[in-house]
Amino acid sequence: MFGVTTSDDYRPVAWMGRYPLDVTTILVGLHVVCAIVTALLLAVTHGVLNYVMFDSSYVWSGQIWRLVTYPLIHPPGGTALLWFAIEMYMLFVFGREVERFIGQRAYMALYLSLLLLPPLVLTVWGLSQRTGLSGSGYLHFAIFVAFATIFPNVQFFARISAKWVALILAAIGTLSALAARDWQNLAVLWISMGIAFAFIELRGAGPELAWLNRLKNVGRPKPKLYVVQKSSMRRPVEPEDVTTSVDPILEKISKYGMASLTDSERRQLDRARNQLLKKSD
């Protein structure tokens, strides 16, 4: 799409014929396979998905796999498959650009952070109130937030900049959660966006933020200032050729006599005489 590669850590994971497979393409393929498997399982039974969705009470009981399996649930029904297709398209387009820009290892670290940190927060929240989570909508929206942080002024969707698209979608999700009093999804939305934005900014890949630079420098020792004396740039005086320097003066003496010499010429003549005397010694 944009073709911007700034990391040496960007290379295909594998090749399918002539087509390279990067991390984002593999993730899209994994989610598509899981959506198909989910549809087939729901055709047989409805209880099997309860074993993979996130539920804080079961996590505290030891079923920690729920921390990583919850985004693989893509139940079909109504317009769910349509939104899933849009989600996968956004992941494929924008996720590849983020991966290409920050490199594969950083991209995988970002994806794992978005995968694990929100359910970990909900797990701690679950000590006071049972919490649950399923689907990958917030995770992949955060990938788009990462893209908008790197390329805030890229225009698409009726010439609207990426940063404004991200803010508009964040506002819609926030207002929807507030209207439904869905505090858990509201928390997951903002935690995911915060992780994506902070991850990109701390790597120095996003736009320059003065307040963030000041925050980074808190606690760092200030550099010491040293006074450096200015060195005098004097040209080395090369020894003069005595004969050459006094030739014009001697010629002037032969024509006009000693009285025609100026003070500077007399001094120059004396210096030349002294140098000749030193050489003779």
C-alpha atoms as a PDB file:
ATOM      1  CA  MET A   1       0.000   0.000   0.000  1.00  0.00           C
ATOM      2  CA  PHE A   2       2.596   2.533   1.094  1.00  0.00           C
ATOM      3  CA  GLY A   3       5.730   0.440   0.722  1.00  0.00           C
ATOM      4  CA  VAL A   4       7.584   2.124   3.598  1.00  0.00           C
ATOM      5  CA  THR A   5      10.164  -0.124   5.204  1.00  0.00           C
ATOM      6  CA  THR A   6      12.359   1.345   7.917  1.00  0.00           C
ATOM      7  CA  SER A   7      13.400  -1.821   9.762  1.00  0.00           C
ATOM      8  CA  ASP A   8      16.027  -4.402   8.891  1.00  0.00           C
ATOM      9  CA  ASP A   9      13.849  -6.970  10.663  1.00  0.00           C
ATOM     10  CA  TYR A  10      11.252  -7.140   7.896  1.00  0.00           C
ATOM     11  CA  ARG A  11      11.392 -10.227   5.724  1.00  0.00           C
ATOM     12  CA  PRO A  12       8.870 -12.916   4.701  1.00  0.00           C
ATOM     13  CA  VAL A  13       8.326 -15.733   7.162  1.00  0.00           C
ATOM     14  CA  ALA A  14       7.712 -18.150   4.311  1.00  0.00           C
ATOM     15  CA  TRP A  15       6.800 -18.227   0.630  1.00  0.00           C
ATOM     16  CA  MET A  16       3.718 -19.636  -1.041  1.00  0.00           C
ATOM     17  CA  GLY A  17       4.956 -19.986  -4.573  1.00  0.00           C
ATOM     18  CA  ARG A  18       5.966 -16.472  -5.599  1.00  0.00           C
ATOM     19  CA  TYR A  19       3.928 -14.796  -2.861  1.00  0.00           C
ATOM     20  CA  PRO A  20       5.631 -13.880   0.450  1.00  0.00           C
ATOM     21  CA  LEU A  21       3.904 -14.723   3.726  1.00  0.00           C
ATOM     22  CA  ASP A  22       4.475 -12.224   6.505  1.00  0.00           C
ATOM     23  CA  VAL A  23       3.257 -12.371  10.107  1.00  0.00           C
ATOM     24  CA  THR A  24       0.085 -10.406   9.336  1.00  0.00           C
ATOM     25  CA  THR A  25      -0.901 -12.712   6.477  1.00  0.00           C
ATOM     26  CA  ILE A  26      -0.443 -15.743   8.725  1.00  0.00           C
ATOM     27  CA  LEU A  27      -2.585 -14.109  11.431  1.00  0.00           C
ATOM     28  CA  VAL A  28      -5.356 -13.378   8.920  1.00  0.00           C
ATOM     29  CA  GLY A  29      -5.234 -16.987   7.728  1.00  0.00           C
ATOM     30  CA  LEU A  30      -5.388 -18.240  11.335  1.00  0.00           C
ATOM     31  CA  HIS A  31      -8.466 -16.140  12.132  1.00  0.00           C
ATOM     32  CA  VAL A  32     -10.210 -17.217   8.927  1.00  0.00           C
ATOM     33  CA  VAL A  33      -9.595 -20.891   9.745  1.00  0.00           C
ATOM     34  CA  CYS A  34     -10.901 -20.332  13.277  1.00  0.00           C
ATOM     35  CA  ALA A  35     -14.033 -18.650  11.907  1.00  0.00           C
ATOM     36  CA  ILE A  36     -14.708 -21.674   9.689  1.00  0.00           C
ATOM     37  CA  VAL A  37     -14.076 -24.087  12.574  1.00  0.00           C
ATOM     38  CA  THR A  38     -16.344 -22.023  14.822  1.00  0.00           C
ATOM     39  CA  ALA A  39     -19.182 -22.231  12.297  1.00  0.00           C
ATOM     40  CA  LEU A  40     -18.753 -26.005  11.993  1.00  0.00           C
ATOM     41  CA  LEU A  41     -18.667 -26.485  15.759  1.00  0.00           C
ATOM     42  CA  LEU A  42     -21.785 -24.398  16.240  1.00  0.00           C
ATOM     43  CA  ALA A  43     -23.534 -26.638  13.713  1.00  0.00           C
ATOM     44  CA  VAL A  44     -22.866 -29.581  16.048  1.00  0.00           C
ATOM     45  CA  THR A  45     -22.961 -28.109  19.556  1.00  0.00           C
ATOM     46  CA  HIS A  46     -23.167 -24.726  21.223  1.00  0.00           C
ATOM     47  CA  GLY A  47     -21.242 -25.486  24.399  1.00  0.00           C
ATOM     48  CA  VAL A  48     -17.773 -26.033  23.043  1.00  0.00           C
ATOM     49  CA  LEU A  49     -17.001 -22.310  22.628  1.00  0.00           C
ATOM     50  CA  ASN A  50     -17.478 -21.770  26.355  1.00  0.00           C
ATOM     51  CA  TYR A  51     -14.144 -23.530  26.883  1.00  0.00           C
ATOM     52  CA  VAL A  52     -12.118 -21.000  24.898  1.00  0.00           C
ATOM     53  CA  MET A  53     -13.695 -17.615  25.655  1.00  0.00           C
ATOM     54  CA  PHE A  54     -12.183 -15.492  28.403  1.00  0.00           C
ATOM     55  CA  ASP A  55     -13.892 -15.753  31.777  1.00  0.00           C
ATOM     56  CA  SER A  56     -12.126 -14.376  34.842  1.00  0.00           C
ATOM     57  CA  SER A  57     -13.692 -16.930  37.203  1.00  0.00           C
ATOM     58  CA  TYR A  58     -12.352 -19.851  35.141  1.00  0.00           C
ATOM     59  CA  VAL A  59      -8.945 -18.199  34.753  1.00  0.00           C
ATOM     60  CA  TRP A  60      -8.657 -17.945  38.544  1.00  0.00           C
ATOM     61  CA  SER A  61      -9.599 -21.642  38.632  1.00  0.00           C
ATOM     62  CA  GLY A  62      -6.549 -22.502  36.535  1.00  0.00           C
ATOM     63  CA  GLN A  63      -7.839 -22.367  32.937  1.00  0.00           C
ATOM     64  CA  ILE A  64      -5.186 -19.870  31.864  1.00  0.00           C
ATOM     65  CA  TRP A  65      -5.446 -20.806  28.158  1.00  0.00           C
ATOM     66  CA  ARG A  66      -8.484 -18.560  28.037  1.00  0.00           C
ATOM     67  CA  LEU A  67      -6.094 -15.578  28.162  1.00  0.00           C
ATOM     68  CA  VAL A  68      -4.986 -16.326  24.582  1.00  0.00           C
ATOM     69  CA  THR A  69      -7.888 -18.229  22.996  1.00  0.00           C
ATOM     70  CA  TYR A  70     -10.634 -15.631  23.384  1.00  0.00           C
ATOM     71  CA  PRO A  71      -9.833 -13.693  20.127  1.00  0.00           C
ATOM     72  CA  LEU A  72     -10.157 -16.882  18.063  1.00  0.00           C
ATOM     73  CA  ILE A  73     -13.931 -16.969  18.588  1.00  0.00           C
ATOM     74  CA  HIS A  74     -15.768 -15.717  15.496  1.00  0.00           C
ATOM     75  CA  PRO A  75     -19.374 -16.929  15.721  1.00  0.00           C
ATOM     76  CA  PRO A  76     -21.399 -16.417  12.517  1.00  0.00           C
ATOM     77  CA  GLY A  77     -24.848 -14.958  12.527  1.00  0.00           C
ATOM     78  CA  GLY A  78     -26.616 -11.914  11.141  1.00  0.00           C
ATOM     79  CA  THR A  79     -24.027  -9.334  10.030  1.00  0.00           C
ATOM     80  CA  ALA A  80     -21.256 -10.874  12.146  1.00  0.00           C
ATOM     81  CA  LEU A  81     -19.538 -12.450   9.146  1.00  0.00           C
ATOM     82  CA  LEU A  82     -19.671  -9.170   7.247  1.00  0.00           C
ATOM     83  CA  TRP A  83     -17.986  -7.311  10.114  1.00  0.00           C
ATOM     84  CA  PHE A  84     -15.491 -10.158  10.422  1.00  0.00           C
ATOM     85  CA  ALA A  85     -14.580  -9.755   6.750  1.00  0.00           C
ATOM     86  CA  ILE A  86     -14.088  -5.991   7.241  1.00  0.00           C
ATOM     87  CA  GLU A  87     -11.979  -6.661  10.321  1.00  0.00           C
ATOM     88  CA  MET A  88      -9.743  -9.099   8.441  1.00  0.00           C
ATOM     89  CA  TYR A  89      -9.359  -6.685   5.560  1.00  0.00           C
ATOM     90  CA  MET A  90      -8.271  -3.905   7.934  1.00  0.00           C
ATOM     91  CA  LEU A  91      -5.837  -6.265   9.663  1.00  0.00           C
ATOM     92  CA  PHE A  92      -4.356  -7.364   6.334  1.00  0.00           C
ATOM     93  CA  VAL A  93      -3.963  -3.844   4.932  1.00  0.00           C
ATOM     94  CA  PHE A  94      -2.943  -1.861   7.999  1.00  0.00           C
ATOM     95  CA  GLY A  95      -1.249  -4.644   9.935  1.00  0.00           C
ATOM     96  CA  ARG A  96       1.183  -5.284   7.090  1.00  0.00           C
ATOM     97  CA  GLU A  97       2.152  -1.613   7.013  1.00  0.00           C
ATOM     98  CA  VAL A  98       2.781  -1.577  10.761  1.00  0.00           C
ATOM     99  CA  GLU A  99       4.792  -4.790  10.510  1.00  0.00           C
ATOM    100  CA  ARG A 100       6.810  -3.433   7.611  1.00  0.00           C
ATOM    101  CA  PHE A 101       7.535  -0.182   9.416  1.00  0.00           C
ATOM    102  CA  ILE A 102       8.568  -1.441  12.888  1.00  0.00           C
ATOM    103  CA  GLY A 103       9.856  -4.917  11.960  1.00  0.00           C
ATOM    104  CA  GLN A 104       8.577  -8.403  12.653  1.00  0.00           C
ATOM    105  CA  ARG A 105       9.871  -8.853  16.200  1.00  0.00           C
ATOM    106  CA  ALA A 106       8.473  -5.509  17.341  1.00  0.00           C
ATOM    107  CA  TYR A 107       5.201  -6.253  15.543  1.00  0.00           C
ATOM    108  CA  MET A 108       4.858  -9.626  17.272  1.00  0.00           C
ATOM    109  CA  ALA A 109       5.622  -7.957  20.611  1.00  0.00           C
ATOM    110  CA  LEU A 110       2.874  -5.408  19.903  1.00  0.00           C
ATOM    111  CA  TYR A 111       0.379  -8.117  18.949  1.00  0.00           C
ATOM    112  CA  LEU A 112       1.165 -10.180  22.049  1.00  0.00           C
ATOM    113  CA  SER A 113       0.814  -7.094  24.242  1.00  0.00           C
ATOM    114  CA  LEU A 114      -2.600  -6.350  22.754  1.00  0.00           C
ATOM    115  CA  LEU A 115      -3.528 -10.016  23.169  1.00  0.00           C
ATOM    116  CA  LEU A 116      -2.497 -10.450  26.808  1.00  0.00           C
ATOM    117  CA  LEU A 117      -2.684  -7.133  28.656  1.00  0.00           C
ATOM    118  CA  PRO A 118      -6.451  -6.452  28.352  1.00  0.00           C
ATOM    119  CA  PRO A 119      -7.496  -9.911  29.681  1.00  0.00           C
ATOM    120  CA  LEU A 120      -4.902  -9.639  32.452  1.00  0.00           C
ATOM    121  CA  VAL A 121      -6.510  -6.378  33.554  1.00  0.00           C
ATOM    122  CA  LEU A 122      -9.930  -8.049  33.405  1.00  0.00           C
ATOM    123  CA  THR A 123      -8.550 -10.961  35.419  1.00  0.00           C
ATOM    124  CA  VAL A 124      -7.572  -8.601  38.241  1.00  0.00           C
ATOM    125  CA  TRP A 125     -10.943  -6.860  37.844  1.00  0.00           C
ATOM    126  CA  GLY A 126     -12.528 -10.280  38.229  1.00  0.00           C
ATOM    127  CA  LEU A 127     -11.527 -10.369  41.880  1.00  0.00           C
ATOM    128  CA  SER A 128     -14.405  -7.995  42.602  1.00  0.00           C
ATOM    129  CA  GLN A 129     -16.698  -8.647  39.628  1.00  0.00           C
ATOM    130  CA  ARG A 130     -16.808 -11.490  37.098  1.00  0.00           C
ATOM    131  CA  THR A 131     -15.524 -10.399  33.710  1.00  0.00           C
ATOM    132  CA  GLY A 132     -15.613 -11.921  30.210  1.00  0.00           C
ATOM    133  CA  LEU A 133     -14.271 -11.261  26.741  1.00  0.00           C
ATOM    134  CA  SER A 134     -14.453 -12.874  23.293  1.00  0.00           C
ATOM    135  CA  GLY A 135     -13.597 -11.919  19.742  1.00  0.00           C
ATOM    136  CA  SER A 136     -10.733  -9.921  18.259  1.00  0.00           C
ATOM    137  CA  GLY A 137     -12.430  -6.651  17.363  1.00  0.00           C
ATOM    138  CA  TYR A 138     -10.662  -4.472  19.931  1.00  0.00           C
ATOM    139  CA  LEU A 139      -7.299  -6.131  19.286  1.00  0.00           C
ATOM    140  CA  HIS A 140      -7.380  -5.456  15.564  1.00  0.00           C
ATOM    141  CA  PHE A 141      -8.800  -1.975  15.962  1.00  0.00           C
ATOM    142  CA  ALA A 142      -5.717  -1.271  18.090  1.00  0.00           C
ATOM    143  CA  ILE A 143      -3.558  -2.377  15.155  1.00  0.00           C
ATOM    144  CA  PHE A 144      -5.276   0.323  13.103  1.00  0.00           C
ATOM    145  CA  VAL A 145      -4.560   2.810  15.916  1.00  0.00           C
ATOM    146  CA  ALA A 146      -0.896   1.834  15.648  1.00  0.00           C
ATOM    147  CA  PHE A 147      -1.064   2.495  11.905  1.00  0.00           C
ATOM    148  CA  ALA A 148      -2.718   5.878  12.486  1.00  0.00           C
ATOM    149  CA  THR A 149       0.006   6.745  14.984  1.00  0.00           C
ATOM    150  CA  ILE A 150       2.727   6.003  12.432  1.00  0.00           C
ATOM    151  CA  PHE A 151       0.904   7.589   9.464  1.00  0.00           C
ATOM    152  CA  PRO A 152      -1.446  10.143  11.076  1.00  0.00           C
ATOM    153  CA  ASN A 153      -1.929  12.260   7.951  1.00  0.00           C
ATOM    154  CA  VAL A 154      -2.518   9.507   5.390  1.00  0.00           C
ATOM    155  CA  GLN A 155      -5.861  10.209   3.751  1.00  0.00           C
ATOM    156  CA  PHE A 156      -8.496   7.680   2.784  1.00  0.00           C
ATOM    157  CA  PHE A 157     -12.212   7.169   3.379  1.00  0.00           C
ATOM    158  CA  ALA A 158     -13.398  10.378   1.665  1.00  0.00           C
ATOM    159  CA  ARG A 159     -10.030  12.137   2.183  1.00  0.00           C
ATOM    160  CA  ILE A 160     -10.213  11.900   5.968  1.00  0.00           C
ATOM    161  CA  SER A 161      -6.845  11.536   7.686  1.00  0.00           C
ATOM    162  CA  ALA A 162      -6.088   8.273   9.463  1.00  0.00           C
ATOM    163  CA  LYS A 163      -5.832   9.979  12.849  1.00  0.00           C
ATOM    164  CA  TRP A 164      -9.361  11.377  12.506  1.00  0.00           C
ATOM    165  CA  VAL A 165     -10.756   8.019  11.379  1.00  0.00           C
ATOM    166  CA  ALA A 166      -9.214   6.412  14.459  1.00  0.00           C
ATOM    167  CA  LEU A 167     -10.634   9.117  16.734  1.00  0.00           C
ATOM    168  CA  ILE A 168     -14.097   8.888  15.175  1.00  0.00           C
ATOM    169  CA  LEU A 169     -14.206   5.102  15.562  1.00  0.00           C
ATOM    170  CA  ALA A 170     -12.894   5.384  19.122  1.00  0.00           C
ATOM    171  CA  ALA A 171     -15.609   7.924  19.929  1.00  0.00           C
ATOM    172  CA  ILE A 172     -18.321   5.675  18.474  1.00  0.00           C
ATOM    173  CA  GLY A 173     -17.103   2.710  20.513  1.00  0.00           C
ATOM    174  CA  THR A 174     -16.827   4.821  23.646  1.00  0.00           C
ATOM    175  CA  LEU A 175     -20.321   6.317  23.344  1.00  0.00           C
ATOM    176  CA  SER A 176     -21.827   2.897  22.605  1.00  0.00           C
ATOM    177  CA  ALA A 177     -20.198   1.399  25.705  1.00  0.00           C
ATOM    178  CA  LEU A 178     -21.237   4.333  27.865  1.00  0.00           C
ATOM    179  CA  ALA A 179     -24.837   4.136  26.663  1.00  0.00           C
ATOM    180  CA  ALA A 180     -24.945   0.408  27.470  1.00  0.00           C
ATOM    181  CA  ARG A 181     -23.022   0.853  30.751  1.00  0.00           C
ATOM    182  CA  ASP A 182     -20.609  -1.737  29.427  1.00  0.00           C
ATOM    183  CA  TRP A 183     -17.614  -0.754  31.542  1.00  0.00           C
ATOM    184  CA  GLN A 184     -15.616  -3.871  30.709  1.00  0.00           C
ATOM    185  CA  ASN A 185     -15.642  -3.353  26.944  1.00  0.00           C
ATOM    186  CA  LEU A 186     -15.004   0.353  27.473  1.00  0.00           C
ATOM    187  CA  ALA A 187     -11.915  -0.512  29.511  1.00  0.00           C
ATOM    188  CA  VAL A 188     -10.699  -3.024  26.917  1.00  0.00           C
ATOM    189  CA  LEU A 189     -11.163  -0.461  24.132  1.00  0.00           C
ATOM    190  CA  TRP A 190      -9.112   2.236  25.812  1.00  0.00           C
ATOM    191  CA  ILE A 191      -6.490  -0.140  27.177  1.00  0.00           C
ATOM    192  CA  SER A 192      -5.956  -1.547  23.682  1.00  0.00           C
ATOM    193  CA  MET A 193      -5.708   1.912  22.105  1.00  0.00           C
ATOM    194  CA  GLY A 194      -3.351   3.069  24.836  1.00  0.00           C
ATOM    195  CA  ILE A 195      -1.066   0.063  24.346  1.00  0.00           C
ATOM    196  CA  ALA A 196      -0.894   0.596  20.582  1.00  0.00           C
ATOM    197  CA  PHE A 197      -0.248   4.327  20.835  1.00  0.00           C
ATOM    198  CA  ALA A 198       2.353   4.031  23.622  1.00  0.00           C
ATOM    199  CA  PHE A 199       4.152   1.141  21.914  1.00  0.00           C
ATOM    200  CA  ILE A 200       4.631   3.098  18.693  1.00  0.00           C
ATOM    201  CA  GLU A 201       5.570   6.335  20.440  1.00  0.00           C
ATOM    202  CA  LEU A 202       8.103   4.706  22.765  1.00  0.00           C
ATOM    203  CA  ARG A 203       9.819   3.211  19.734  1.00  0.00           C
ATOM    204  CA  GLY A 204      10.100   6.673  18.231  1.00  0.00           C
ATOM    205  CA  ALA A 205       8.011   5.698  15.193  1.00  0.00           C
ATOM    206  CA  GLY A 206       5.134   8.086  15.778  1.00  0.00           C
ATOM    207  CA  PRO A 207       4.892  11.877  15.483  1.00  0.00           C
ATOM    208  CA  GLU A 208       7.050  14.036  17.729  1.00  0.00           C
ATOM    209  CA  LEU A 209       5.378  14.751  21.073  1.00  0.00           C
ATOM    210  CA  ALA A 210       7.042  17.356  23.256  1.00  0.00           C
ATOM    211  CA  TRP A 211       5.317  16.238  26.468  1.00  0.00           C
ATOM    212  CA  LEU A 212       6.346  12.611  25.880  1.00  0.00           C
ATOM    213  CA  ASN A 213       9.967  13.628  25.347  1.00  0.00           C
ATOM    214  CA  ARG A 214       9.894  15.539  28.617  1.00  0.00           C
ATOM    215  CA  LEU A 215       8.401  12.485  30.358  1.00  0.00           C
ATOM    216  CA  LYS A 216      11.163  10.266  28.978  1.00  0.00           C
ATOM    217  CA  ASN A 217      13.822  12.635  30.299  1.00  0.00           C
ATOM    218  CA  VAL A 218      12.433  12.671  33.853  1.00  0.00           C
ATOM    219  CA  GLY A 219      15.033  11.187  36.170  1.00  0.00           C
ATOM    220  CA  ARG A 220      17.806  11.183  33.622  1.00  0.00           C
ATOM    221  CA  PRO A 221      21.008  12.931  34.749  1.00  0.00           C
ATOM    222  CA  LYS A 222      21.538  16.234  33.045  1.00  0.00           C
ATOM    223  CA  PRO A 223      24.627  16.441  30.871  1.00  0.00           C
ATOM    224  CA  LYS A 224      27.535  18.326  32.369  1.00  0.00           C
ATOM    225  CA  LEU A 225      28.662  21.469  30.640  1.00  0.00           C
ATOM    226  CA  TYR A 226      32.299  22.102  30.061  1.00  0.00           C
ATOM    227  CA  VAL A 227      33.903  25.408  29.027  1.00  0.00           C
ATOM    228  CA  VAL A 228      36.145  24.805  26.063  1.00  0.00           C
ATOM    229  CA  GLN A 229      38.677  27.521  25.403  1.00  0.00           C
ATOM    230  CA  LYS A 230      38.771  28.778  21.907  1.00  0.00           C
ATOM    231  CA  SER A 231      41.929  27.739  20.200  1.00  0.00           C
ATOM    232  CA  SER A 232      43.778  30.452  18.347  1.00  0.00           C
ATOM    233  CA  MET A 233      43.954  29.706  14.681  1.00  0.00           C
ATOM    234  CA  ARG A 234      47.268  31.273  13.810  1.00  0.00           C
ATOM    235  CA  ARG A 235      48.969  30.427  10.619  1.00  0.00           C
ATOM    236  CA  PRO A 236      52.478  29.133  11.158  1.00  0.00           C
ATOM    237  CA  VAL A 237      55.087  31.641  10.083  1.00  0.00           C
ATOM    238  CA  GLU A 238      57.233  30.085   7.466  1.00  0.00           C
ATOM    239  CA  PRO A 239      60.902  31.090   7.383  1.00  0.00           C
ATOM    240  CA  GLU A 240      61.538  33.734   4.775  1.00  0.00           C
ATOM    241  CA  ASP A 241      64.008  33.406   1.987  1.00  0.00           C
ATOM    242  CA  VAL A 242      66.451  36.169   2.962  1.00  0.00           C
ATOM    243  CA  THR A 243      67.740  36.837  -0.518  1.00  0.00           C
ATOM    244  CA  THR A 244      64.301  37.030  -2.072  1.00  0.00           C
ATOM    245  CA  SER A 245      62.892  39.297   0.630  1.00  0.00           C
ATOM    246  CA  VAL A 246      65.636  41.941   0.406  1.00  0.00           C
ATOM    247  CA  ASP A 247      66.185  41.975  -3.350  1.00  0.00           C
ATOM    248  CA  PRO A 248      63.634  44.756  -3.973  1.00  0.00           C
ATOM    249  CA  ILE A 249      65.183  46.782  -1.120  1.00  0.00           C
ATOM    250  CA  LEU A 250      68.711  46.417  -2.443  1.00  0.00           C
ATOM    251  CA  GLU A 251      67.538  47.444  -5.901  1.00  0.00           C
ATOM    252  CA  LYS A 252      65.916  50.509  -4.410  1.00  0.00           C
ATOM    253  CA  ILE A 253      69.141  51.416  -2.561  1.00  0.00           C
ATOM    254  CA  SER A 254      71.167  51.117  -5.760  1.00  0.00           C
ATOM    255  CA  LYS A 255      68.836  53.517  -7.560  1.00  0.00           C
ATOM    256  CA  TYR A 256      67.890  56.050  -4.886  1.00  0.00           C
ATOM    257  CA  GLY A 257      70.284  55.470  -1.996  1.00  0.00           C
ATOM    258  CA  MET A 258      69.746  54.596   1.675  1.00  0.00           C
ATOM    259  CA  ALA A 259      67.771  57.740   2.361  1.00  0.00           C
ATOM    260  CA  SER A 260      64.930  56.456   0.183  1.00  0.00           C
ATOM    261  CA  LEU A 261      64.163  53.526   2.497  1.00  0.00           C
ATOM    262  CA  THR A 262      61.161  53.609   4.781  1.00  0.00           C
ATOM    263  CA  ASP A 263      61.316  52.557   8.414  1.00  0.00           C
ATOM    264  CA  SER A 264      59.711  49.194   7.669  1.00  0.00           C
ATOM    265  CA  GLU A 265      62.166  48.545   4.861  1.00  0.00           C
ATOM    266  CA  ARG A 266      65.079  49.407   7.131  1.00  0.00           C
ATOM    267  CA  ARG A 267      63.793  46.986   9.768  1.00  0.00           C
ATOM    268  CA  GLN A 268      63.357  44.291   7.139  1.00  0.00           C
ATOM    269  CA  LEU A 269      66.902  44.893   5.925  1.00  0.00           C
ATOM    270  CA  ASP A 270      68.230  44.637   9.487  1.00  0.00           C
ATOM    271  CA  ARG A 271      66.395  41.348  10.040  1.00  0.00           C
ATOM    272  CA  ALA A 272      67.816  39.949   6.839  1.00  0.00           C
ATOM    273  CA  ARG A 273      71.332  41.008   7.868  1.00  0.00           C
ATOM    274  CA  ASN A 274      70.955  39.393  11.299  1.00  0.00           C
ATOM    275  CA  GLN A 275      69.745  36.133   9.739  1.00  0.00           C
ATOM    276  CA  LEU A 276      72.742  36.098   7.422  1.00  0.00           C
ATOM    277  CA  LEU A 277      75.061  36.682  10.350  1.00  0.00           C
ATOM    278  CA  LYS A 278      73.512  33.785  12.267  1.00  0.00           C
ATOM    279  CA  LYS A 279      73.931  31.463   9.345  1.00  0.00           C
ATOM    280  CA  SER A 280      77.546  32.467   8.938  1.00  0.00           C
ATOM    281  CA  ASP A 281      78.198  31.716  12.619  1.00  0.00           C
END
